[in-house]
Amino acid sequence: MKVGVLTRHAVANYGSVLQAYATQKAIEKTGHESEIINYIRKDEFDINISKTMLFRNKAWNSNLLRRIVYIILQTPVYTSTFRTFRKYTKRLLKETRRVYFTSEEIQNNTNYDLYCVGSDQVWGQIGCSEYDPCYFLDFARDGEKCISYASSFGKDSISESLRKELPKLLIKFDNISVRESSAKELLAELGICSHHVLDPTLLLTKKEWNEIADDNQKYHGYVLIYQLHDNKLLEKYAKDFANYIGKRLIRISNSFLYYFKSGKLCYMPSPERFLSLIKNADYVITDSFHATVFSLIFERKFVDILPTNTGTRIISLLKMLKLEDRIVTDYDDFSKLENEVNYINAKKILSEERRNSLFILKEMIEH
């Protein structure tokens, strides 16, 4: 069977690119073929991204002068980042040659045995919209099979308006699976049955990720920081720990502005090198879900400093693996990072969950 996959593949984010890659590989593991439907919203495309980000930034969107300054400064940055990541996705993913900007374009120009949406935050705020009906497969015709794999709202709670719409948005789905236990509970409250499954990046083994990791790098014996949210406490913790342990601090970022932050900036590495930087780090300090995932896969010493609004997915994963102790709450305490991670138990749990999730994915596709 040929599966048309709709996911957040074109976002300038390592987790988004690598989860799309993993979804394709996981579907291949079940014995089927897949193709990423190359859907990119116009408000997330190229030069429009800076306007979208401004819309969501209350501080810079407060008056006309601030808006003008933001657009002038950020448009070249976002445009360059978007185009660089598009090169990465074209190399790693099997995409449709055509780029689609609307549901209608997808409906009139695609033909698959079934459609699969997921994973990542496909059911949360996207661009300038509270949610995007396209990620609820609104383009699928009557009788066409629809499933979701590891879809996420990104948060524990959703708006009342989306809650009211969900039964209608999900009515055409034959099977639903979600990434967080909180999402499963939320859907259950609405009388919607779903499976709780692993993020697709966890469906591939350490060996499979090693096959694409680029180990041709110059850094050795370092503390790695990968930070997605503005958090001075996280930055201070990473800097203080690197000084305490006497190791170099390496920072991954898509923004050259982080050149002025603590640590040696590794600016916009390829996804393959991103994997290698985590794989070869002595310690990883992050607020990123997918940096946490790859720290687990490569069995690194790591800690999470949770972001304010989107920490639910990290908490859900660490609870499942009995590793909640990797969450930092005392910013003067380095013992969590120094302590060994109980990978013996975590790998047993992960192996079982991987088998279960792959079984569910295969069942959803075939039945």
Protein backbone atom coordinates (compact mmCIF):
# COMPACT_ATOMS: atom_id res chain seq x y z
CA MET A 1 0.00 0.00 0.00
CA LYS A 2 1.06 3.58 -0.59
CA VAL A 3 0.59 5.95 2.34
CA GLY A 4 0.33 9.70 1.90
CA VAL A 5 1.88 11.28 5.01
CA LEU A 6 0.95 14.77 6.13
CA THR A 7 3.26 16.13 8.79
CA ARG A 8 5.22 19.20 9.89
CA HIS A 9 8.19 18.34 7.69
CA ALA A 10 9.03 21.80 6.36
CA VAL A 11 9.57 23.58 9.67
CA ALA A 12 13.12 24.83 10.30
CA ASN A 13 13.49 22.53 13.28
CA TYR A 14 15.61 19.38 13.67
CA GLY A 15 12.89 17.45 15.47
CA SER A 16 10.38 18.17 12.69
CA VAL A 17 12.71 16.98 9.92
CA LEU A 18 13.88 13.89 11.79
CA GLN A 19 10.41 12.79 12.92
CA ALA A 20 9.24 13.01 9.29
CA TYR A 21 12.23 10.89 8.24
CA ALA A 22 11.47 8.39 11.01
CA THR A 23 7.78 8.19 10.05
CA GLN A 24 8.72 7.18 6.53
CA LYS A 25 11.21 4.61 7.78
CA ALA A 26 8.69 3.20 10.27
CA ILE A 27 6.07 2.76 7.54
CA GLU A 28 8.68 0.96 5.45
CA LYS A 29 9.27 -1.33 8.44
CA THR A 30 5.63 -2.36 8.26
CA GLY A 31 6.12 -3.40 4.63
CA HIS A 32 4.47 -0.42 2.94
CA GLU A 33 5.49 2.60 0.90
CA SER A 34 5.06 6.22 1.91
CA GLU A 35 5.41 9.70 0.49
CA ILE A 36 5.42 13.03 2.32
CA ILE A 37 2.67 15.29 1.00
CA ASN A 38 4.65 18.48 0.46
CA TYR A 39 2.15 20.78 2.13
CA ILE A 40 3.48 24.14 3.31
CA ARG A 41 1.18 26.86 4.57
CA LYS A 42 1.71 30.20 2.86
CA ASP A 43 2.18 31.92 6.22
CA GLU A 44 5.06 29.51 6.95
CA PHE A 45 6.70 29.77 3.55
CA ASP A 46 9.98 31.56 2.93
CA ILE A 47 9.68 35.34 3.34
CA ASN A 48 6.27 35.11 5.06
CA ILE A 49 7.66 33.39 8.17
CA SER A 50 8.91 36.61 9.78
CA LYS A 51 5.40 38.10 9.61
CA THR A 52 3.96 34.94 11.14
CA MET A 53 6.48 34.96 13.97
CA LEU A 54 5.78 38.65 14.55
CA PHE A 55 2.05 37.89 14.82
CA ARG A 56 2.84 35.50 17.69
CA ASN A 57 5.33 37.82 19.44
CA LYS A 58 3.40 40.23 21.66
CA ALA A 59 6.45 42.26 22.67
CA TRP A 60 7.57 43.10 19.12
CA ASN A 61 4.00 43.41 17.82
CA SER A 62 3.10 46.15 20.31
CA ASN A 63 3.60 49.17 18.02
CA LEU A 64 4.37 50.12 14.42
CA LEU A 65 8.05 51.00 14.94
CA ARG A 66 8.80 47.70 16.68
CA ARG A 67 7.02 45.78 13.91
CA ILE A 68 9.07 47.51 11.20
CA VAL A 69 12.36 46.87 13.02
CA TYR A 70 11.44 43.20 13.59
CA ILE A 71 10.57 42.62 9.92
CA ILE A 72 13.76 44.30 8.68
CA LEU A 73 16.00 42.35 11.05
CA GLN A 74 14.31 38.95 11.01
CA THR A 75 13.15 38.46 7.42
CA PRO A 76 16.64 37.66 6.03
CA VAL A 77 17.30 35.31 8.98
CA TYR A 78 14.07 33.34 8.69
CA THR A 79 14.28 33.21 4.88
CA SER A 80 17.84 31.84 4.96
CA THR A 81 16.96 29.28 7.65
CA PHE A 82 13.86 28.10 5.76
CA ARG A 83 15.80 27.64 2.52
CA THR A 84 18.64 25.78 4.25
CA PHE A 85 16.22 23.36 5.92
CA ARG A 86 14.40 22.82 2.64
CA LYS A 87 17.70 21.51 1.24
CA TYR A 88 17.90 19.13 4.19
CA THR A 89 14.35 17.81 3.74
CA LYS A 90 14.78 17.31 0.00
CA ARG A 91 17.85 15.18 0.72
CA LEU A 92 16.36 13.11 3.55
CA LEU A 93 12.67 12.76 2.68
CA LYS A 94 10.60 11.25 -0.10
CA GLU A 95 8.37 14.22 -0.89
CA THR A 96 5.85 14.97 -3.60
CA ARG A 97 7.50 17.04 -6.32
CA ARG A 98 4.71 19.57 -6.13
CA VAL A 99 4.33 21.90 -3.17
CA TYR A 100 0.73 22.26 -1.98
CA PHE A 101 -0.52 25.38 -0.25
CA THR A 102 -4.19 24.47 0.33
CA SER A 103 -6.39 21.47 1.14
CA GLU A 104 -8.12 21.84 -2.22
CA GLU A 105 -4.83 21.44 -4.09
CA ILE A 106 -4.09 18.21 -2.21
CA GLN A 107 -7.60 16.86 -2.80
CA ASN A 108 -7.45 17.43 -6.54
CA ASN A 109 -3.94 16.18 -7.17
CA THR A 110 -3.15 13.21 -4.92
CA ASN A 111 -4.17 9.58 -4.85
CA TYR A 112 -3.06 7.21 -2.06
CA ASP A 113 -4.35 4.00 -0.53
CA LEU A 114 -4.65 5.86 2.75
CA TYR A 115 -3.69 9.13 4.41
CA CYS A 116 -1.73 9.39 7.65
CA VAL A 117 -1.29 12.58 9.66
CA GLY A 118 1.37 12.92 12.35
CA SER A 119 3.42 13.17 14.32
CA ASP A 120 4.62 16.35 16.01
CA GLN A 121 2.35 19.25 16.99
CA VAL A 122 -0.01 18.90 14.03
CA TRP A 123 -3.17 19.57 16.06
CA GLY A 124 -2.04 22.70 17.88
CA GLN A 125 -1.52 26.31 16.82
CA ILE A 126 0.02 26.48 13.37
CA GLY A 127 1.15 29.68 11.71
CA CYS A 128 -1.39 32.40 12.42
CA SER A 129 -4.22 29.90 13.01
CA GLU A 130 -5.50 28.25 16.18
CA TYR A 131 -5.41 24.97 14.23
CA ASP A 132 -5.22 23.92 10.59
CA PRO A 133 -8.09 21.74 9.24
CA CYS A 134 -5.68 20.33 6.65
CA TYR A 135 -3.87 18.46 9.44
CA PHE A 136 -7.22 16.87 10.28
CA LEU A 137 -7.23 15.54 6.68
CA ASP A 138 -10.19 17.67 5.63
CA PHE A 139 -9.19 17.11 1.99
CA ALA A 140 -9.82 13.33 2.14
CA ARG A 141 -12.86 12.27 0.14
CA ASP A 142 -15.66 10.12 1.52
CA GLY A 143 -14.51 6.53 1.78
CA GLU A 144 -10.79 7.32 1.75
CA LYS A 145 -9.00 5.79 4.71
CA CYS A 146 -7.56 8.20 7.29
CA ILE A 147 -5.35 7.47 10.28
CA SER A 148 -3.18 9.46 12.65
CA TYR A 149 0.15 8.37 14.07
CA ALA A 150 1.48 10.07 17.22
CA SER A 151 -0.36 13.31 16.58
CA SER A 152 0.08 15.97 19.24
CA PHE A 153 -1.66 19.09 20.53
CA GLY A 154 1.62 20.24 22.04
CA LYS A 155 -0.01 21.18 25.34
CA ASP A 156 -1.97 19.60 28.18
CA SER A 157 -5.03 21.73 27.47
CA ILE A 158 -6.64 23.17 24.35
CA SER A 159 -9.04 26.04 23.71
CA GLU A 160 -12.75 25.51 24.25
CA SER A 161 -13.43 26.29 20.59
CA LEU A 162 -11.08 23.53 19.40
CA ARG A 163 -12.51 21.13 21.99
CA LYS A 164 -15.99 21.69 20.52
CA GLU A 165 -14.75 21.16 16.96
CA LEU A 166 -12.70 18.01 17.59
CA PRO A 167 -15.53 15.44 17.23
CA LYS A 168 -16.32 16.86 13.79
CA LEU A 169 -12.68 17.25 12.79
CA LEU A 170 -11.87 13.64 13.69
CA ILE A 171 -15.05 11.95 12.49
CA LYS A 172 -13.50 10.70 9.24
CA PHE A 173 -10.58 8.97 10.98
CA ASP A 174 -10.60 5.17 10.94
CA ASN A 175 -7.93 4.97 13.65
CA ILE A 176 -6.31 7.57 15.89
CA SER A 177 -3.06 7.42 17.83
CA VAL A 178 -1.49 10.24 19.83
CA ARG A 179 1.95 10.94 21.24
CA GLU A 180 1.13 12.10 24.77
CA SER A 181 -0.92 10.42 27.47
CA SER A 182 -2.56 13.82 28.10
CA ALA A 183 -3.86 13.83 24.51
CA LYS A 184 -5.33 10.35 24.92
CA GLU A 185 -7.10 11.51 28.09
CA LEU A 186 -8.36 14.65 26.39
CA LEU A 187 -9.86 12.67 23.51
CA ALA A 188 -11.37 10.12 25.91
CA GLU A 189 -13.25 12.96 27.64
CA LEU A 190 -14.87 13.66 24.27
CA GLY A 191 -15.73 9.99 23.72
CA ILE A 192 -13.00 9.53 21.10
CA CYS A 193 -10.91 6.34 21.30
CA SER A 194 -7.18 6.56 20.59
CA HIS A 195 -3.90 4.69 21.10
CA HIS A 196 -0.95 6.12 23.01
CA VAL A 197 2.17 5.50 20.90
CA LEU A 198 5.81 6.51 20.68
CA ASP A 199 7.08 9.46 18.72
CA PRO A 200 8.32 8.02 15.38
CA THR A 201 11.92 8.97 16.17
CA LEU A 202 11.80 6.32 18.91
CA LEU A 203 10.66 3.65 16.45
CA LEU A 204 14.14 3.57 14.94
CA THR A 205 16.97 1.93 16.84
CA LYS A 206 20.33 3.38 17.81
CA LYS A 207 21.88 1.37 14.96
CA GLU A 208 19.46 2.85 12.43
CA TRP A 209 20.17 6.43 13.55
CA ASN A 210 23.90 5.73 13.50
CA GLU A 211 23.56 4.97 9.80
CA ILE A 212 22.85 8.62 9.00
CA ALA A 213 24.72 10.41 11.82
CA ASP A 214 27.66 12.40 10.48
CA ASP A 215 30.59 11.67 12.79
CA ASN A 216 33.03 13.82 10.83
CA GLN A 217 33.31 16.54 13.46
CA LYS A 218 35.99 18.41 15.36
CA TYR A 219 34.42 18.57 18.84
CA HIS A 220 35.34 16.08 21.57
CA GLY A 221 34.82 16.06 25.34
CA TYR A 222 32.10 18.69 25.60
CA VAL A 223 28.83 19.71 27.23
CA LEU A 224 26.09 20.29 24.64
CA ILE A 225 23.28 22.82 25.02
CA TYR A 226 20.31 22.79 22.66
CA GLN A 227 17.80 25.46 23.60
CA LEU A 228 14.50 26.27 21.88
CA HIS A 229 13.00 28.70 24.41
CA ASP A 230 14.30 31.88 25.95
CA ASN A 231 15.35 30.90 29.47
CA LYS A 232 18.20 32.63 31.26
CA LEU A 233 18.16 30.00 34.01
CA LEU A 234 18.86 27.27 31.46
CA GLU A 235 21.72 29.29 29.96
CA LYS A 236 23.26 29.98 33.37
CA TYR A 237 22.90 26.34 34.43
CA ALA A 238 24.70 25.14 31.28
CA LYS A 239 27.49 27.71 31.60
CA ASP A 240 28.01 27.03 35.31
CA PHE A 241 28.03 23.26 34.82
CA ALA A 242 30.56 23.42 31.98
CA ASN A 243 32.83 25.54 34.18
CA TYR A 244 32.28 23.20 37.13
CA ILE A 245 33.12 20.07 35.13
CA GLY A 246 35.94 21.75 33.21
CA LYS A 247 34.62 20.95 29.73
CA ARG A 248 33.88 23.03 26.68
CA LEU A 249 30.27 24.19 26.17
CA ILE A 250 28.97 23.68 22.62
CA ARG A 251 25.68 25.25 21.54
CA ILE A 252 23.49 24.21 18.59
CA SER A 253 21.26 26.93 17.16
CA ASN A 254 19.59 28.08 13.95
CA SER A 255 20.04 31.71 14.99
CA PHE A 256 23.36 33.52 14.63
CA LEU A 257 22.21 35.76 17.51
CA TYR A 258 23.18 32.90 19.84
CA TYR A 259 26.76 33.72 18.91
CA PHE A 260 26.52 36.25 21.75
CA LYS A 261 25.32 33.62 24.25
CA SER A 262 27.53 31.37 26.35
CA GLY A 263 29.19 28.44 24.59
CA LYS A 264 30.79 27.85 21.20
CA LEU A 265 28.06 28.23 18.57
CA CYS A 266 27.59 25.43 16.05
CA TYR A 267 25.37 27.33 13.63
CA MET A 268 22.64 25.48 11.73
CA PRO A 269 24.35 22.09 11.31
CA SER A 270 22.75 19.47 9.08
CA PRO A 271 20.32 17.02 10.74
CA GLU A 272 22.99 14.32 10.36
CA ARG A 273 25.50 16.46 12.23
CA PHE A 274 22.87 17.42 14.81
CA LEU A 275 22.57 13.70 15.60
CA SER A 276 26.33 13.33 15.83
CA LEU A 277 26.71 16.30 18.19
CA ILE A 278 24.27 14.65 20.62
CA LYS A 279 25.75 11.19 20.10
CA ASN A 280 29.28 12.35 20.98
CA ALA A 281 28.47 14.76 23.82
CA ASP A 282 29.57 13.91 27.34
CA TYR A 283 26.52 15.75 28.72
CA VAL A 284 23.38 17.22 27.13
CA ILE A 285 21.36 20.10 28.61
CA THR A 286 18.14 20.88 26.76
CA ASP A 287 14.52 22.02 26.79
CA SER A 288 13.79 20.17 23.54
CA PHE A 289 11.69 17.02 23.26
CA HIS A 290 13.65 15.61 20.35
CA ALA A 291 17.04 16.45 21.85
CA THR A 292 15.79 14.44 24.83
CA VAL A 293 14.77 11.59 22.51
CA PHE A 294 18.19 11.39 20.85
CA SER A 295 19.98 11.71 24.19
CA LEU A 296 18.02 8.60 25.21
CA ILE A 297 18.71 6.75 21.97
CA PHE A 298 22.45 7.45 22.14
CA GLU A 299 22.49 6.83 25.91
CA ARG A 300 23.95 10.18 26.93
CA LYS A 301 23.96 11.80 30.35
CA PHE A 302 21.30 14.49 29.99
CA VAL A 303 18.91 16.73 31.87
CA ASP A 304 15.77 18.60 30.86
CA ILE A 305 14.91 22.10 31.94
CA LEU A 306 11.24 22.19 31.01
CA PRO A 307 9.76 24.96 28.85
CA THR A 308 6.81 26.79 30.38
CA ASN A 309 3.99 25.79 28.03
CA THR A 310 5.12 22.75 26.05
CA GLY A 311 6.80 20.50 28.60
CA THR A 312 3.99 17.93 28.58
CA ARG A 313 5.57 15.77 25.86
CA ILE A 314 8.91 15.61 27.71
CA ILE A 315 7.20 14.74 30.99
CA SER A 316 5.09 12.05 29.28
CA LEU A 317 8.16 10.40 27.75
CA LEU A 318 10.31 10.49 30.90
CA LYS A 319 7.47 9.13 33.07
CA MET A 320 7.03 6.21 30.70
CA LEU A 321 10.75 5.38 30.93
CA LYS A 322 10.89 5.95 34.71
CA LEU A 323 13.37 8.77 34.21
CA GLU A 324 11.58 11.74 35.76
CA ASP A 325 14.73 12.34 37.81
CA ARG A 326 16.35 13.86 34.70
CA ILE A 327 14.19 16.99 35.09
CA VAL A 328 16.06 19.85 36.78
CA THR A 329 14.22 21.91 39.38
CA ASP A 330 17.16 23.18 41.46
CA TYR A 331 19.43 25.29 39.27
CA ASP A 332 22.31 25.10 41.75
CA ASP A 333 22.33 21.31 41.84
CA PHE A 334 24.46 19.48 39.25
CA SER A 335 23.99 16.02 40.73
CA LYS A 336 21.17 15.07 38.33
CA LEU A 337 23.46 15.66 35.37
CA GLU A 338 26.41 13.87 36.94
CA ASN A 339 24.41 10.83 38.04
CA GLU A 340 24.26 7.82 35.74
CA VAL A 341 21.06 7.34 33.74
CA ASN A 342 19.29 4.01 34.35
CA TYR A 343 19.44 2.91 30.73
CA ILE A 344 19.17 -0.80 31.54
CA ASN A 345 15.57 -0.40 32.68
CA ALA A 346 14.75 2.39 30.21
CA LYS A 347 15.91 0.32 27.21
CA LYS A 348 13.72 -2.60 28.27
CA ILE A 349 10.68 -0.35 28.49
CA LEU A 350 11.53 1.40 25.22
CA SER A 351 12.03 -1.88 23.37
CA GLU A 352 8.61 -3.12 24.44
CA GLU A 353 6.93 0.21 23.63
CA ARG A 354 8.64 0.25 20.22
CA ARG A 355 7.24 -3.20 19.40
CA ASN A 356 3.76 -2.16 20.54
CA SER A 357 3.81 1.11 18.57
CA LEU A 358 5.04 -0.56 15.38
CA PHE A 359 2.34 -3.20 15.76
CA ILE A 360 -0.33 -0.50 16.16
CA LEU A 361 0.98 1.38 13.12
CA LYS A 362 0.90 -1.77 11.00
CA GLU A 363 -2.60 -2.66 12.22
CA MET A 364 -3.89 0.87 11.49
CA ILE A 365 -2.53 0.71 7.95
CA GLU A 366 -3.73 -2.80 7.11
CA HIS A 367 -7.10 -3.10 8.86
